[in-house]
Amino acid sequence: MASSSSSRAQTPPYPSAARIADSPCYPQYTASLKCLEETNSDKSKCQEHFDVYKECKKKEREARLERNRNRSFFS
């Protein structure tokens, strides 16, 4: 089973996972993961990182929706 986890790390389990590094929220994402690693997965100690990442993703989503709203399928 160890080999399947390493192959999973190379191949994202779903398409959007491949794009996380392209996200403007990537620094917040990696900070959250680093916090979990440093605190032995103690989520309570990383809540601030999670909140910052969640807020970033919310703003990213709102910006994407606004861009899509400004596009027209008929132009």
PDB file of N, CA and C in Angstrom:
ATOM      1  N   MET A   1       0.801  -1.203   0.000  1.00  0.00           N
ATOM      2  CA  MET A   1       0.000   0.000   0.000  1.00  0.00           C
ATOM      3  C   MET A   1       0.844   1.268   0.000  1.00  0.00           C
ATOM      4  N   ALA A   2       2.061   1.180   0.463  1.00  0.00           N
ATOM      5  CA  ALA A   2       2.911   2.359   0.500  1.00  0.00           C
ATOM      6  C   ALA A   2       3.157   2.916  -0.894  1.00  0.00           C
ATOM      7  N   SER A   3       3.253   2.019  -1.872  1.00  0.00           N
ATOM      8  CA  SER A   3       3.500   2.504  -3.225  1.00  0.00           C
ATOM      9  C   SER A   3       2.296   3.249  -3.782  1.00  0.00           C
ATOM     10  N   SER A   4       1.075   2.854  -3.394  1.00  0.00           N
ATOM     11  CA  SER A   4      -0.105   3.547  -3.892  1.00  0.00           C
ATOM     12  C   SER A   4      -0.191   4.966  -3.336  1.00  0.00           C
ATOM     13  N   SER A   5       0.243   5.170  -2.093  1.00  0.00           N
ATOM     14  CA  SER A   5       0.205   6.520  -1.547  1.00  0.00           C
ATOM     15  C   SER A   5       1.224   7.425  -2.231  1.00  0.00           C
ATOM     16  N   SER A   6       2.379   6.878  -2.596  1.00  0.00           N
ATOM     17  CA  SER A   6       3.357   7.706  -3.291  1.00  0.00           C
ATOM     18  C   SER A   6       2.887   8.030  -4.702  1.00  0.00           C
ATOM     19  N   SER A   7       2.207   7.083  -5.355  1.00  0.00           N
ATOM     20  CA  SER A   7       1.696   7.386  -6.690  1.00  0.00           C
ATOM     21  C   SER A   7       0.542   8.389  -6.598  1.00  0.00           C
ATOM     22  N   ARG A   8      -0.217   8.330  -5.502  1.00  0.00           N
ATOM     23  CA  ARG A   8      -1.290   9.290  -5.310  1.00  0.00           C
ATOM     24  C   ARG A   8      -0.731  10.698  -5.129  1.00  0.00           C
ATOM     25  N   ALA A   9       0.417  10.804  -4.496  1.00  0.00           N
ATOM     26  CA  ALA A   9       1.034  12.108  -4.300  1.00  0.00           C
ATOM     27  C   ALA A   9       1.448  12.715  -5.639  1.00  0.00           C
ATOM     28  N   GLN A  10       1.822  11.871  -6.595  1.00  0.00           N
ATOM     29  CA  GLN A  10       2.236  12.352  -7.903  1.00  0.00           C
ATOM     30  C   GLN A  10       1.031  12.655  -8.798  1.00  0.00           C
ATOM     31  N   THR A  11      -0.038  11.887  -8.648  1.00  0.00           N
ATOM     32  CA  THR A  11      -1.240  12.083  -9.448  1.00  0.00           C
ATOM     33  C   THR A  11      -2.357  12.583  -8.548  1.00  0.00           C
ATOM     34  N   PRO A  12      -2.819  13.811  -8.750  1.00  0.00           N
ATOM     35  CA  PRO A  12      -3.863  14.347  -7.885  1.00  0.00           C
ATOM     36  C   PRO A  12      -5.119  13.481  -7.933  1.00  0.00           C
ATOM     37  N   PRO A  13      -5.796  13.313  -6.809  1.00  0.00           N
ATOM     38  CA  PRO A  13      -6.993  12.482  -6.766  1.00  0.00           C
ATOM     39  C   PRO A  13      -8.159  13.082  -7.552  1.00  0.00           C
ATOM     40  N   TYR A  14      -8.121  14.379  -7.787  1.00  0.00           N
ATOM     41  CA  TYR A  14      -9.159  15.035  -8.584  1.00  0.00           C
ATOM     42  C   TYR A  14      -8.515  16.215  -9.306  1.00  0.00           C
ATOM     43  N   PRO A  15      -9.081  16.630 -10.440  1.00  0.00           N
ATOM     44  CA  PRO A  15      -8.423  17.624 -11.307  1.00  0.00           C
ATOM     45  C   PRO A  15      -8.062  18.938 -10.612  1.00  0.00           C
ATOM     46  N   SER A  16      -8.942  19.473  -9.766  1.00  0.00           N
ATOM     47  CA  SER A  16      -8.653  20.775  -9.166  1.00  0.00           C
ATOM     48  C   SER A  16      -7.446  20.729  -8.240  1.00  0.00           C
ATOM     49  N   ALA A  17      -7.104  19.557  -7.735  1.00  0.00           N
ATOM     50  CA  ALA A  17      -5.935  19.444  -6.863  1.00  0.00           C
ATOM     51  C   ALA A  17      -4.659  19.807  -7.608  1.00  0.00           C
ATOM     52  N   ALA A  18      -4.629  19.583  -8.892  1.00  0.00           N
ATOM     53  CA  ALA A  18      -3.444  19.906  -9.687  1.00  0.00           C
ATOM     54  C   ALA A  18      -3.245  21.412  -9.785  1.00  0.00           C
ATOM     55  N   ARG A  19      -4.293  22.179  -9.564  1.00  0.00           N
ATOM     56  CA  ARG A  19      -4.214  23.624  -9.731  1.00  0.00           C
ATOM     57  C   ARG A  19      -4.000  24.384  -8.426  1.00  0.00           C
ATOM     58  N   ILE A  20      -3.916  23.695  -7.305  1.00  0.00           N
ATOM     59  CA  ILE A  20      -3.767  24.395  -6.024  1.00  0.00           C
ATOM     60  C   ILE A  20      -2.517  25.277  -6.018  1.00  0.00           C
ATOM     61  N   ALA A  21      -1.453  24.837  -6.657  1.00  0.00           N
ATOM     62  CA  ALA A  21      -0.228  25.639  -6.686  1.00  0.00           C
ATOM     63  C   ALA A  21      -0.397  26.902  -7.518  1.00  0.00           C
ATOM     64  N   ASP A  22      -1.389  26.925  -8.402  1.00  0.00           N
ATOM     65  CA  ASP A  22      -1.658  28.109  -9.213  1.00  0.00           C
ATOM     66  C   ASP A  22      -2.561  29.112  -8.491  1.00  0.00           C
ATOM     67  N   SER A  23      -3.114  28.701  -7.373  1.00  0.00           N
ATOM     68  CA  SER A  23      -4.052  29.546  -6.639  1.00  0.00           C
ATOM     69  C   SER A  23      -3.332  30.688  -5.939  1.00  0.00           C
ATOM     70  N   PRO A  24      -3.962  31.872  -5.899  1.00  0.00           N
ATOM     71  CA  PRO A  24      -3.370  32.966  -5.127  1.00  0.00           C
ATOM     72  C   PRO A  24      -3.344  32.651  -3.623  1.00  0.00           C
ATOM     73  N   CYS A  25      -4.086  31.625  -3.216  1.00  0.00           N
ATOM     74  CA  CYS A  25      -4.151  31.237  -1.807  1.00  0.00           C
ATOM     75  C   CYS A  25      -3.144  30.140  -1.455  1.00  0.00           C
ATOM     76  N   TYR A  26      -2.279  29.809  -2.381  1.00  0.00           N
ATOM     77  CA  TYR A  26      -1.319  28.732  -2.142  1.00  0.00           C
ATOM     78  C   TYR A  26      -0.444  28.986  -0.907  1.00  0.00           C
ATOM     79  N   PRO A  27       0.044  30.211  -0.679  1.00  0.00           N
ATOM     80  CA  PRO A  27       0.854  30.445   0.531  1.00  0.00           C
ATOM     81  C   PRO A  27       0.081  30.158   1.826  1.00  0.00           C
ATOM     82  N   GLN A  28      -1.201  30.518   1.846  1.00  0.00           N
ATOM     83  CA  GLN A  28      -2.024  30.253   3.023  1.00  0.00           C
ATOM     84  C   GLN A  28      -2.269  28.756   3.184  1.00  0.00           C
ATOM     85  N   TYR A  29      -2.443  28.082   2.063  1.00  0.00           N
ATOM     86  CA  TYR A  29      -2.638  26.628   2.064  1.00  0.00           C
ATOM     87  C   TYR A  29      -1.404  25.927   2.643  1.00  0.00           C
ATOM     88  N   THR A  30      -0.236  26.293   2.150  1.00  0.00           N
ATOM     89  CA  THR A  30       0.986  25.649   2.630  1.00  0.00           C
ATOM     90  C   THR A  30       1.267  26.005   4.089  1.00  0.00           C
ATOM     91  N   ALA A  31       0.912  27.239   4.505  1.00  0.00           N
ATOM     92  CA  ALA A  31       1.099  27.623   5.908  1.00  0.00           C
ATOM     93  C   ALA A  31       0.221  26.763   6.815  1.00  0.00           C
ATOM     94  N   SER A  32      -0.986  26.462   6.369  1.00  0.00           N
ATOM     95  CA  SER A  32      -1.882  25.600   7.147  1.00  0.00           C
ATOM     96  C   SER A  32      -1.298  24.203   7.293  1.00  0.00           C
ATOM     97  N   LEU A  33      -0.793  23.654   6.196  1.00  0.00           N
ATOM     98  CA  LEU A  33      -0.206  22.317   6.239  1.00  0.00           C
ATOM     99  C   LEU A  33       1.042  22.296   7.119  1.00  0.00           C
ATOM    100  N   LYS A  34       1.856  23.339   6.995  1.00  0.00           N
ATOM    101  CA  LYS A  34       3.080  23.410   7.806  1.00  0.00           C
ATOM    102  C   LYS A  34       2.732  23.479   9.291  1.00  0.00           C
ATOM    103  N   CYS A  35       1.706  24.239   9.615  1.00  0.00           N
ATOM    104  CA  CYS A  35       1.270  24.331  11.007  1.00  0.00           C
ATOM    105  C   CYS A  35       0.848  22.958  11.524  1.00  0.00           C
ATOM    106  N   LEU A  36       0.085  22.228  10.729  1.00  0.00           N
ATOM    107  CA  LEU A  36      -0.346  20.890  11.140  1.00  0.00           C
ATOM    108  C   LEU A  36       0.853  19.977  11.368  1.00  0.00           C
ATOM    109  N   GLU A  37       1.831  20.069  10.488  1.00  0.00           N
ATOM    110  CA  GLU A  37       3.042  19.249  10.652  1.00  0.00           C
ATOM    111  C   GLU A  37       3.784  19.619  11.930  1.00  0.00           C
ATOM    112  N   GLU A  38       3.889  20.907  12.200  1.00  0.00           N
ATOM    113  CA  GLU A  38       4.654  21.369  13.355  1.00  0.00           C
ATOM    114  C   GLU A  38       3.942  21.109  14.688  1.00  0.00           C
ATOM    115  N   THR A  39       2.618  20.942  14.651  1.00  0.00           N
ATOM    116  CA  THR A  39       1.858  20.741  15.893  1.00  0.00           C
ATOM    117  C   THR A  39       1.322  19.316  16.003  1.00  0.00           C
ATOM    118  N   ASN A  40       1.910  18.404  15.238  1.00  0.00           N
ATOM    119  CA  ASN A  40       1.453  17.005  15.246  1.00  0.00           C
ATOM    120  C   ASN A  40      -0.049  16.892  14.988  1.00  0.00           C
ATOM    121  N   SER A  41      -0.512  17.629  13.987  1.00  0.00           N
ATOM    122  CA  SER A  41      -1.908  17.622  13.529  1.00  0.00           C
ATOM    123  C   SER A  41      -2.897  18.130  14.570  1.00  0.00           C
ATOM    124  N   ASP A  42      -2.444  19.009  15.456  1.00  0.00           N
ATOM    125  CA  ASP A  42      -3.347  19.620  16.432  1.00  0.00           C
ATOM    126  C   ASP A  42      -4.064  20.791  15.763  1.00  0.00           C
ATOM    127  N   LYS A  43      -5.252  20.510  15.249  1.00  0.00           N
ATOM    128  CA  LYS A  43      -5.988  21.503  14.472  1.00  0.00           C
ATOM    129  C   LYS A  43      -6.319  22.747  15.290  1.00  0.00           C
ATOM    130  N   SER A  44      -6.536  22.590  16.590  1.00  0.00           N
ATOM    131  CA  SER A  44      -6.900  23.738  17.424  1.00  0.00           C
ATOM    132  C   SER A  44      -5.795  24.797  17.436  1.00  0.00           C
ATOM    133  N   LYS A  45      -4.549  24.374  17.289  1.00  0.00           N
ATOM    134  CA  LYS A  45      -3.424  25.319  17.294  1.00  0.00           C
ATOM    135  C   LYS A  45      -3.237  25.997  15.931  1.00  0.00           C
ATOM    136  N   CYS A  46      -3.945  25.514  14.918  1.00  0.00           N
ATOM    137  CA  CYS A  46      -3.775  26.042  13.560  1.00  0.00           C
ATOM    138  C   CYS A  46      -5.011  26.786  13.061  1.00  0.00           C
ATOM    139  N   GLN A  47      -5.979  27.014  13.918  1.00  0.00           N
ATOM    140  CA  GLN A  47      -7.245  27.612  13.484  1.00  0.00           C
ATOM    141  C   GLN A  47      -7.046  28.945  12.778  1.00  0.00           C
ATOM    142  N   GLU A  48      -6.112  29.755  13.257  1.00  0.00           N
ATOM    143  CA  GLU A  48      -5.880  31.054  12.626  1.00  0.00           C
ATOM    144  C   GLU A  48      -5.434  30.870  11.169  1.00  0.00           C
ATOM    145  N   HIS A  49      -4.573  29.886  10.927  1.00  0.00           N
ATOM    146  CA  HIS A  49      -4.133  29.597   9.554  1.00  0.00           C
ATOM    147  C   HIS A  49      -5.309  29.158   8.690  1.00  0.00           C
ATOM    148  N   PHE A  50      -6.171  28.308   9.255  1.00  0.00           N
ATOM    149  CA  PHE A  50      -7.342  27.829   8.511  1.00  0.00           C
ATOM    150  C   PHE A  50      -8.263  28.997   8.159  1.00  0.00           C
ATOM    151  N   ASP A  51      -8.460  29.898   9.112  1.00  0.00           N
ATOM    152  CA  ASP A  51      -9.354  31.032   8.884  1.00  0.00           C
ATOM    153  C   ASP A  51      -8.824  31.950   7.791  1.00  0.00           C
ATOM    154  N   VAL A  52      -7.513  32.190   7.807  1.00  0.00           N
ATOM    155  CA  VAL A  52      -6.898  33.046   6.781  1.00  0.00           C
ATOM    156  C   VAL A  52      -7.051  32.402   5.402  1.00  0.00           C
ATOM    157  N   TYR A  53      -6.803  31.088   5.333  1.00  0.00           N
ATOM    158  CA  TYR A  53      -6.942  30.372   4.069  1.00  0.00           C
ATOM    159  C   TYR A  53      -8.395  30.390   3.599  1.00  0.00           C
ATOM    160  N   LYS A  54      -9.324  30.141   4.505  1.00  0.00           N
ATOM    161  CA  LYS A  54     -10.750  30.130   4.159  1.00  0.00           C
ATOM    162  C   LYS A  54     -11.188  31.491   3.615  1.00  0.00           C
ATOM    163  N   GLU A  55     -10.728  32.575   4.249  1.00  0.00           N
ATOM    164  CA  GLU A  55     -11.063  33.921   3.791  1.00  0.00           C
ATOM    165  C   GLU A  55     -10.472  34.192   2.410  1.00  0.00           C
ATOM    166  N   CYS A  56      -9.255  33.740   2.185  1.00  0.00           N
ATOM    167  CA  CYS A  56      -8.618  33.904   0.882  1.00  0.00           C
ATOM    168  C   CYS A  56      -9.418  33.170  -0.194  1.00  0.00           C
ATOM    169  N   LYS A  57      -9.799  31.922   0.098  1.00  0.00           N
ATOM    170  CA  LYS A  57     -10.568  31.135  -0.875  1.00  0.00           C
ATOM    171  C   LYS A  57     -11.916  31.790  -1.150  1.00  0.00           C
ATOM    172  N   LYS A  58     -12.521  32.374  -0.134  1.00  0.00           N
ATOM    173  CA  LYS A  58     -13.803  33.056  -0.306  1.00  0.00           C
ATOM    174  C   LYS A  58     -13.645  34.240  -1.269  1.00  0.00           C
ATOM    175  N   LYS A  59     -12.586  35.026  -1.066  1.00  0.00           N
ATOM    176  CA  LYS A  59     -12.338  36.176  -1.942  1.00  0.00           C
ATOM    177  C   LYS A  59     -12.006  35.714  -3.358  1.00  0.00           C
ATOM    178  N   GLU A  60     -11.238  34.638  -3.462  1.00  0.00           N
ATOM    179  CA  GLU A  60     -10.889  34.085  -4.771  1.00  0.00           C
ATOM    180  C   GLU A  60     -12.156  33.635  -5.515  1.00  0.00           C
ATOM    181  N   ARG A  61     -13.038  32.958  -4.797  1.00  0.00           N
ATOM    182  CA  ARG A  61     -14.290  32.485  -5.395  1.00  0.00           C
ATOM    183  C   ARG A  61     -15.169  33.666  -5.833  1.00  0.00           C
ATOM    184  N   GLU A  62     -15.281  34.689  -4.982  1.00  0.00           N
ATOM    185  CA  GLU A  62     -16.083  35.864  -5.325  1.00  0.00           C
ATOM    186  C   GLU A  62     -15.531  36.560  -6.568  1.00  0.00           C
ATOM    187  N   ALA A  63     -14.216  36.670  -6.670  1.00  0.00           N
ATOM    188  CA  ALA A  63     -13.594  37.300  -7.833  1.00  0.00           C
ATOM    189  C   ALA A  63     -13.870  36.481  -9.094  1.00  0.00           C
ATOM    190  N   ARG A  64     -13.794  35.132  -8.978  1.00  0.00           N
ATOM    191  CA  ARG A  64     -14.065  34.269 -10.125  1.00  0.00           C
ATOM    192  C   ARG A  64     -15.522  34.404 -10.560  1.00  0.00           C
ATOM    193  N   LEU A  65     -16.444  34.436  -9.602  1.00  0.00           N
ATOM    194  CA  LEU A  65     -17.861  34.596  -9.941  1.00  0.00           C
ATOM    195  C   LEU A  65     -18.115  35.936 -10.621  1.00  0.00           C
ATOM    196  N   GLU A  66     -17.444  36.978 -10.138  1.00  0.00           N
ATOM    197  CA  GLU A  66     -17.597  38.305 -10.745  1.00  0.00           C
ATOM    198  C   GLU A  66     -17.068  38.310 -12.177  1.00  0.00           C
ATOM    199  N   ARG A  67     -15.911  37.680 -12.390  1.00  0.00           N
ATOM    200  CA  ARG A  67     -15.379  37.587 -13.766  1.00  0.00           C
ATOM    201  C   ARG A  67     -16.359  36.843 -14.671  1.00  0.00           C
ATOM    202  N   ASN A  68     -16.906  35.759 -14.169  1.00  0.00           N
ATOM    203  CA  ASN A  68     -17.847  34.970 -14.964  1.00  0.00           C
ATOM    204  C   ASN A  68     -19.133  35.743 -15.226  1.00  0.00           C
ATOM    205  N   ARG A  69     -19.562  36.531 -14.259  1.00  0.00           N
ATOM    206  CA  ARG A  69     -20.773  37.332 -14.410  1.00  0.00           C
ATOM    207  C   ARG A  69     -20.588  38.361 -15.521  1.00  0.00           C
ATOM    208  N   ASN A  70     -19.363  38.848 -15.675  1.00  0.00           N
ATOM    209  CA  ASN A  70     -19.093  39.878 -16.673  1.00  0.00           C
ATOM    210  C   ASN A  70     -18.908  39.312 -18.084  1.00  0.00           C
ATOM    211  N   ARG A  71     -18.831  37.996 -18.180  1.00  0.00           N
ATOM    212  CA  ARG A  71     -18.711  37.367 -19.492  1.00  0.00           C
ATOM    213  C   ARG A  71     -20.100  37.074 -20.026  1.00  0.00           C
ATOM    214  N   SER A  72     -20.197  37.078 -21.333  1.00  0.00           N
ATOM    215  CA  SER A  72     -21.458  36.716 -21.954  1.00  0.00           C
ATOM    216  C   SER A  72     -21.194  35.558 -22.923  1.00  0.00           C
ATOM    217  N   PHE A  73     -22.100  34.607 -22.908  1.00  0.00           N
ATOM    218  CA  PHE A  73     -21.977  33.480 -23.830  1.00  0.00           C
ATOM    219  C   PHE A  73     -22.341  33.886 -25.250  1.00  0.00           C
ATOM    220  N   PHE A  74     -22.962  35.044 -25.397  1.00  0.00           N
ATOM    221  CA  PHE A  74     -23.493  35.439 -26.705  1.00  0.00           C
ATOM    222  C   PHE A  74     -22.696  36.545 -27.365  1.00  0.00           C
ATOM    223  N   SER A  75     -21.553  36.910 -26.802  1.00  0.00           N
ATOM    224  CA  SER A  75     -20.796  37.988 -27.441  1.00  0.00           C
ATOM    225  C   SER A  75     -19.599  37.462 -28.190  1.00  0.00           C
TER     226      SER A  75
END
